[in-house]
Amino acid sequence: MQSWLFLTLAIIAEVVATSALKSSEGFSRLAPTAVVIIGYVVAFYFLALAIKVIPVGIAYAVWAGLGIVLISLIGWLVFQQKLDAPAIIGMAMILSGVMVINLFSNTSAH
């Protein structure tokens, strides 16, 4: 169970870092750039801890899937980026895939 907490922390740190990446304006702004660097270091540290127990393919699928959805929502809410119907349908499919992996796959470590 602790490994899933580590993966959750990794995803949160990655989402924070990626959100700050947009705000860094090509690494020209110091504070957002620092958040990017620290966020990615924290994200990969916790991902490394998570994959000690969770199979790497499963961990990466969850990381990528949830990261895509969360970053898209932040882009929509914070940066006023539009999400059209195909984007929303695609993200729903990604979330469905992550749920299938976690609920039904025997390769997922619980």
C-alpha atoms as a PDB file:
ATOM      1  CA  MET A   1       0.000   0.000   0.000  1.00  0.00           C
ATOM      2  CA  GLN A   2       2.895   2.349   0.758  1.00  0.00           C
ATOM      3  CA  SER A   3       4.110   1.980  -2.830  1.00  0.00           C
ATOM      4  CA  TRP A   4       0.780   3.394  -4.083  1.00  0.00           C
ATOM      5  CA  LEU A   5       1.231   6.376  -1.769  1.00  0.00           C
ATOM      6  CA  PHE A   6       4.686   6.893  -3.289  1.00  0.00           C
ATOM      7  CA  LEU A   7       3.192   6.720  -6.782  1.00  0.00           C
ATOM      8  CA  THR A   8       0.503   9.231  -5.804  1.00  0.00           C
ATOM      9  CA  LEU A   9       3.150  11.624  -4.465  1.00  0.00           C
ATOM     10  CA  ALA A  10       5.165  11.150  -7.669  1.00  0.00           C
ATOM     11  CA  ILE A  11       2.133  12.022  -9.798  1.00  0.00           C
ATOM     12  CA  ILE A  12       1.329  15.104  -7.725  1.00  0.00           C
ATOM     13  CA  ALA A  13       4.938  16.335  -7.916  1.00  0.00           C
ATOM     14  CA  GLU A  14       5.028  15.735 -11.671  1.00  0.00           C
ATOM     15  CA  VAL A  15       1.768  17.620 -12.200  1.00  0.00           C
ATOM     16  CA  VAL A  16       3.032  20.559 -10.128  1.00  0.00           C
ATOM     17  CA  ALA A  17       6.334  20.576 -12.049  1.00  0.00           C
ATOM     18  CA  THR A  18       4.657  20.374 -15.445  1.00  0.00           C
ATOM     19  CA  SER A  19       2.241  23.162 -14.526  1.00  0.00           C
ATOM     20  CA  ALA A  20       5.184  25.315 -13.473  1.00  0.00           C
ATOM     21  CA  LEU A  21       6.939  24.458 -16.744  1.00  0.00           C
ATOM     22  CA  LYS A  22       4.345  26.504 -18.619  1.00  0.00           C
ATOM     23  CA  SER A  23       4.757  29.364 -16.137  1.00  0.00           C
ATOM     24  CA  SER A  24       8.559  29.280 -16.414  1.00  0.00           C
ATOM     25  CA  GLU A  25       8.267  30.748 -19.935  1.00  0.00           C
ATOM     26  CA  GLY A  26      11.140  28.734 -21.355  1.00  0.00           C
ATOM     27  CA  PHE A  27      13.074  28.761 -18.059  1.00  0.00           C
ATOM     28  CA  SER A  28      13.278  32.548 -18.166  1.00  0.00           C
ATOM     29  CA  ARG A  29      11.500  33.011 -14.805  1.00  0.00           C
ATOM     30  CA  LEU A  30      13.444  31.871 -11.736  1.00  0.00           C
ATOM     31  CA  ALA A  31      10.693  30.838  -9.290  1.00  0.00           C
ATOM     32  CA  PRO A  32       8.689  28.648 -11.703  1.00  0.00           C
ATOM     33  CA  THR A  33      11.945  27.168 -13.014  1.00  0.00           C
ATOM     34  CA  ALA A  34      12.939  26.194  -9.457  1.00  0.00           C
ATOM     35  CA  VAL A  35       9.518  24.578  -8.965  1.00  0.00           C
ATOM     36  CA  VAL A  36      10.029  22.603 -12.199  1.00  0.00           C
ATOM     37  CA  ILE A  37      13.430  21.289 -11.138  1.00  0.00           C
ATOM     38  CA  ILE A  38      12.431  20.463  -7.576  1.00  0.00           C
ATOM     39  CA  GLY A  39       9.112  18.976  -8.689  1.00  0.00           C
ATOM     40  CA  TYR A  40      10.687  16.609 -11.208  1.00  0.00           C
ATOM     41  CA  VAL A  41      13.385  15.519  -8.735  1.00  0.00           C
ATOM     42  CA  VAL A  42      10.700  14.751  -6.138  1.00  0.00           C
ATOM     43  CA  ALA A  43       8.527  13.031  -8.765  1.00  0.00           C
ATOM     44  CA  PHE A  44      11.279  10.708  -9.958  1.00  0.00           C
ATOM     45  CA  TYR A  45      12.412   9.979  -6.405  1.00  0.00           C
ATOM     46  CA  PHE A  46       8.943   8.788  -5.407  1.00  0.00           C
ATOM     47  CA  LEU A  47       8.461   6.967  -8.725  1.00  0.00           C
ATOM     48  CA  ALA A  48      11.712   5.093  -8.067  1.00  0.00           C
ATOM     49  CA  LEU A  49      10.409   4.088  -4.636  1.00  0.00           C
ATOM     50  CA  ALA A  50       7.050   3.029  -6.077  1.00  0.00           C
ATOM     51  CA  ILE A  51       8.532   0.728  -8.725  1.00  0.00           C
ATOM     52  CA  LYS A  52      10.334  -1.275  -6.091  1.00  0.00           C
ATOM     53  CA  VAL A  53       6.960  -2.982  -5.575  1.00  0.00           C
ATOM     54  CA  ILE A  54       4.632  -1.915  -8.386  1.00  0.00           C
ATOM     55  CA  PRO A  55       5.605  -3.341 -11.801  1.00  0.00           C
ATOM     56  CA  VAL A  56       7.189  -0.564 -13.843  1.00  0.00           C
ATOM     57  CA  GLY A  57       4.693  -0.880 -16.706  1.00  0.00           C
ATOM     58  CA  ILE A  58       1.739  -0.574 -14.364  1.00  0.00           C
ATOM     59  CA  ALA A  59       3.286   2.317 -12.441  1.00  0.00           C
ATOM     60  CA  TYR A  60       4.091   4.159 -15.648  1.00  0.00           C
ATOM     61  CA  ALA A  61       0.614   3.585 -17.091  1.00  0.00           C
ATOM     62  CA  VAL A  62      -0.979   5.028 -13.962  1.00  0.00           C
ATOM     63  CA  TRP A  63       1.575   7.881 -13.810  1.00  0.00           C
ATOM     64  CA  ALA A  64       1.101   8.831 -17.454  1.00  0.00           C
ATOM     65  CA  GLY A  65      -2.659   8.382 -17.553  1.00  0.00           C
ATOM     66  CA  LEU A  66      -3.439  10.368 -14.447  1.00  0.00           C
ATOM     67  CA  GLY A  67      -0.776  12.940 -15.319  1.00  0.00           C
ATOM     68  CA  ILE A  68      -2.360  13.563 -18.727  1.00  0.00           C
ATOM     69  CA  VAL A  69      -5.807  14.022 -17.253  1.00  0.00           C
ATOM     70  CA  LEU A  70      -4.670  16.225 -14.362  1.00  0.00           C
ATOM     71  CA  ILE A  71      -2.458  18.428 -16.546  1.00  0.00           C
ATOM     72  CA  SER A  72      -5.292  18.815 -19.054  1.00  0.00           C
ATOM     73  CA  LEU A  73      -7.648  19.872 -16.265  1.00  0.00           C
ATOM     74  CA  ILE A  74      -5.104  22.368 -14.935  1.00  0.00           C
ATOM     75  CA  GLY A  75      -4.603  23.706 -18.458  1.00  0.00           C
ATOM     76  CA  TRP A  76      -8.355  24.179 -18.720  1.00  0.00           C
ATOM     77  CA  LEU A  77      -8.891  25.665 -15.243  1.00  0.00           C
ATOM     78  CA  VAL A  78      -5.711  27.720 -14.785  1.00  0.00           C
ATOM     79  CA  PHE A  79      -4.511  28.552 -18.293  1.00  0.00           C
ATOM     80  CA  GLN A  80      -7.980  28.741 -19.938  1.00  0.00           C
ATOM     81  CA  GLN A  81      -7.009  26.153 -22.561  1.00  0.00           C
ATOM     82  CA  LYS A  82      -9.971  24.617 -24.327  1.00  0.00           C
ATOM     83  CA  LEU A  83     -10.907  20.941 -24.129  1.00  0.00           C
ATOM     84  CA  ASP A  84     -13.104  19.765 -26.977  1.00  0.00           C
ATOM     85  CA  ALA A  85     -15.293  16.658 -27.019  1.00  0.00           C
ATOM     86  CA  PRO A  86     -12.625  14.351 -28.521  1.00  0.00           C
ATOM     87  CA  ALA A  87     -10.136  15.446 -25.822  1.00  0.00           C
ATOM     88  CA  ILE A  88     -12.644  14.765 -23.066  1.00  0.00           C
ATOM     89  CA  ILE A  89     -13.595  11.391 -24.563  1.00  0.00           C
ATOM     90  CA  GLY A  90      -9.921  10.466 -24.905  1.00  0.00           C
ATOM     91  CA  MET A  91      -9.206  11.380 -21.288  1.00  0.00           C
ATOM     92  CA  ALA A  92     -12.211   9.350 -20.152  1.00  0.00           C
ATOM     93  CA  MET A  93     -10.775   6.398 -22.065  1.00  0.00           C
ATOM     94  CA  ILE A  94      -7.392   6.910 -20.408  1.00  0.00           C
ATOM     95  CA  LEU A  95      -9.006   6.982 -16.960  1.00  0.00           C
ATOM     96  CA  SER A  96     -10.989   3.861 -17.860  1.00  0.00           C
ATOM     97  CA  GLY A  97      -7.793   2.105 -18.842  1.00  0.00           C
ATOM     98  CA  VAL A  98      -6.096   3.030 -15.570  1.00  0.00           C
ATOM     99  CA  MET A  99      -9.130   1.743 -13.676  1.00  0.00           C
ATOM    100  CA  VAL A 100      -9.139  -1.542 -15.613  1.00  0.00           C
ATOM    101  CA  ILE A 101      -5.463  -2.049 -14.811  1.00  0.00           C
ATOM    102  CA  ASN A 102      -5.936  -1.376 -11.124  1.00  0.00           C
ATOM    103  CA  LEU A 103      -9.189  -3.256 -10.648  1.00  0.00           C
ATOM    104  CA  PHE A 104      -8.764  -6.284 -12.869  1.00  0.00           C
ATOM    105  CA  SER A 105      -5.102  -6.859 -13.764  1.00  0.00           C
ATOM    106  CA  ASN A 106      -3.207  -9.585 -11.932  1.00  0.00           C
ATOM    107  CA  THR A 107       0.050  -7.773 -12.685  1.00  0.00           C
ATOM    108  CA  SER A 108      -0.916  -4.804 -10.537  1.00  0.00           C
ATOM    109  CA  ALA A 109       0.671  -4.986  -7.085  1.00  0.00           C
ATOM    110  CA  HIS A 110      -1.843  -4.271  -4.323  1.00  0.00           C
END
